[in-house]
Amino acid sequence: MLGLFRRKPLPTDEERRAHLRVSGRITEGVILDADINGDDEIVYYSYTLNGVDFESSERLTFEQKQDRLKFAPGQKVNIRFDPKNQGNSTLE
């Protein structure tokens, strides 16, 4: 009986990104800032959907780090988002 109330485990970042690549919709956003902390590079970005502004951050993957100019502050980028939860997004 208690199994009915058990929460599902949260997806990993890679699982979340894979889901958005398959079923997410695309919009345009802009890189606001970037922060390098050791091997991690985190970018902060914003996008607007239906008049609502969203801001988020994401660690760049190894592949994304190869094209750092694409993720420089001020650059326009494609964002994939979940249409059922528009705050759930990833950089394309």
Protein backbone atom coordinates (compact mmCIF):
# COMPACT_ATOMS: atom_id res chain seq x y z
CA MET A 1 0.00 0.00 0.00
CA LEU A 2 2.80 2.44 0.80
CA GLY A 3 4.25 1.86 -2.66
CA LEU A 4 1.39 3.91 -4.09
CA PHE A 5 2.70 7.02 -2.36
CA ARG A 6 6.35 6.56 -3.25
CA ARG A 7 7.71 9.33 -5.47
CA LYS A 8 9.29 8.54 -8.78
CA PRO A 9 13.01 9.22 -8.83
CA LEU A 10 13.95 12.49 -10.51
CA PRO A 11 15.50 12.11 -13.95
CA THR A 12 19.20 12.81 -14.36
CA ASP A 13 20.29 15.84 -16.37
CA GLU A 14 21.13 13.59 -19.31
CA GLU A 15 17.71 11.89 -19.18
CA ARG A 16 15.97 15.27 -18.98
CA ARG A 17 17.94 16.62 -21.94
CA ALA A 18 17.26 13.47 -23.99
CA HIS A 19 13.52 13.79 -23.30
CA LEU A 20 13.52 17.44 -24.39
CA ARG A 21 15.50 16.65 -27.56
CA VAL A 22 12.79 14.15 -28.54
CA SER A 23 9.58 15.85 -27.42
CA GLY A 24 10.49 19.46 -26.66
CA ARG A 25 9.47 22.48 -28.67
CA ILE A 26 11.98 25.05 -29.90
CA THR A 27 12.13 28.77 -29.18
CA GLU A 28 14.82 31.42 -29.32
CA GLY A 29 16.66 32.66 -26.26
CA VAL A 30 19.71 34.72 -25.38
CA ILE A 31 22.78 33.91 -23.29
CA LEU A 32 22.93 36.29 -20.33
CA ASP A 33 26.18 35.29 -18.64
CA ALA A 34 28.74 32.51 -18.34
CA ASP A 35 30.67 31.26 -15.33
CA ILE A 36 33.68 28.94 -15.35
CA ASN A 37 34.33 26.96 -12.19
CA GLY A 38 37.12 24.46 -12.68
CA ASP A 39 36.05 22.10 -15.47
CA ASP A 40 32.43 23.22 -15.30
CA GLU A 41 31.18 26.00 -17.51
CA ILE A 42 27.71 27.22 -16.61
CA VAL A 43 25.72 29.52 -18.87
CA TYR A 44 22.71 31.57 -17.83
CA TYR A 45 20.05 32.20 -20.44
CA SER A 46 16.58 33.65 -20.85
CA TYR A 47 13.65 33.05 -23.17
CA THR A 48 10.06 34.28 -23.46
CA LEU A 49 6.96 32.15 -24.04
CA ASN A 50 3.45 33.58 -24.28
CA GLY A 51 4.59 36.84 -22.68
CA VAL A 52 6.25 35.09 -19.72
CA ASP A 53 10.01 35.52 -19.23
CA PHE A 54 12.02 32.50 -18.09
CA GLU A 55 15.62 32.46 -16.87
CA SER A 56 17.63 29.30 -16.41
CA SER A 57 21.16 27.97 -16.23
CA GLU A 58 22.86 24.90 -17.56
CA ARG A 59 26.25 23.20 -17.44
CA LEU A 60 27.70 22.94 -20.92
CA THR A 61 28.41 19.45 -22.21
CA PHE A 62 31.82 18.51 -23.59
CA GLU A 63 30.48 18.99 -27.14
CA GLN A 64 29.04 22.42 -26.33
CA LYS A 65 32.33 23.55 -24.78
CA GLN A 66 34.00 23.02 -28.17
CA ASP A 67 32.04 26.00 -29.56
CA ARG A 68 32.35 28.56 -26.76
CA LEU A 69 31.55 31.53 -29.01
CA LYS A 70 28.08 30.10 -29.61
CA PHE A 71 27.43 30.32 -25.85
CA ALA A 72 29.04 33.71 -25.20
CA PRO A 73 26.94 36.39 -23.43
CA GLY A 74 24.63 38.19 -25.87
CA GLN A 75 24.44 35.30 -28.34
CA LYS A 76 21.06 34.09 -29.54
CA VAL A 77 20.55 30.36 -29.08
CA ASN A 78 17.84 27.79 -29.63
CA ILE A 79 16.12 26.53 -26.49
CA ARG A 80 14.15 23.31 -26.25
CA PHE A 81 11.36 23.41 -23.68
CA ASP A 82 8.66 21.10 -22.39
CA PRO A 83 5.27 22.44 -23.55
CA LYS A 84 3.63 20.97 -20.41
CA ASN A 85 6.22 22.54 -18.09
CA GLN A 86 7.66 25.56 -19.90
CA GLY A 87 10.26 26.19 -17.20
CA ASN A 88 11.91 22.87 -18.07
CA SER A 89 14.37 23.74 -20.81
CA THR A 90 17.75 22.94 -22.29
CA LEU A 91 20.12 24.57 -24.72
CA GLU A 92 20.14 23.06 -28.17
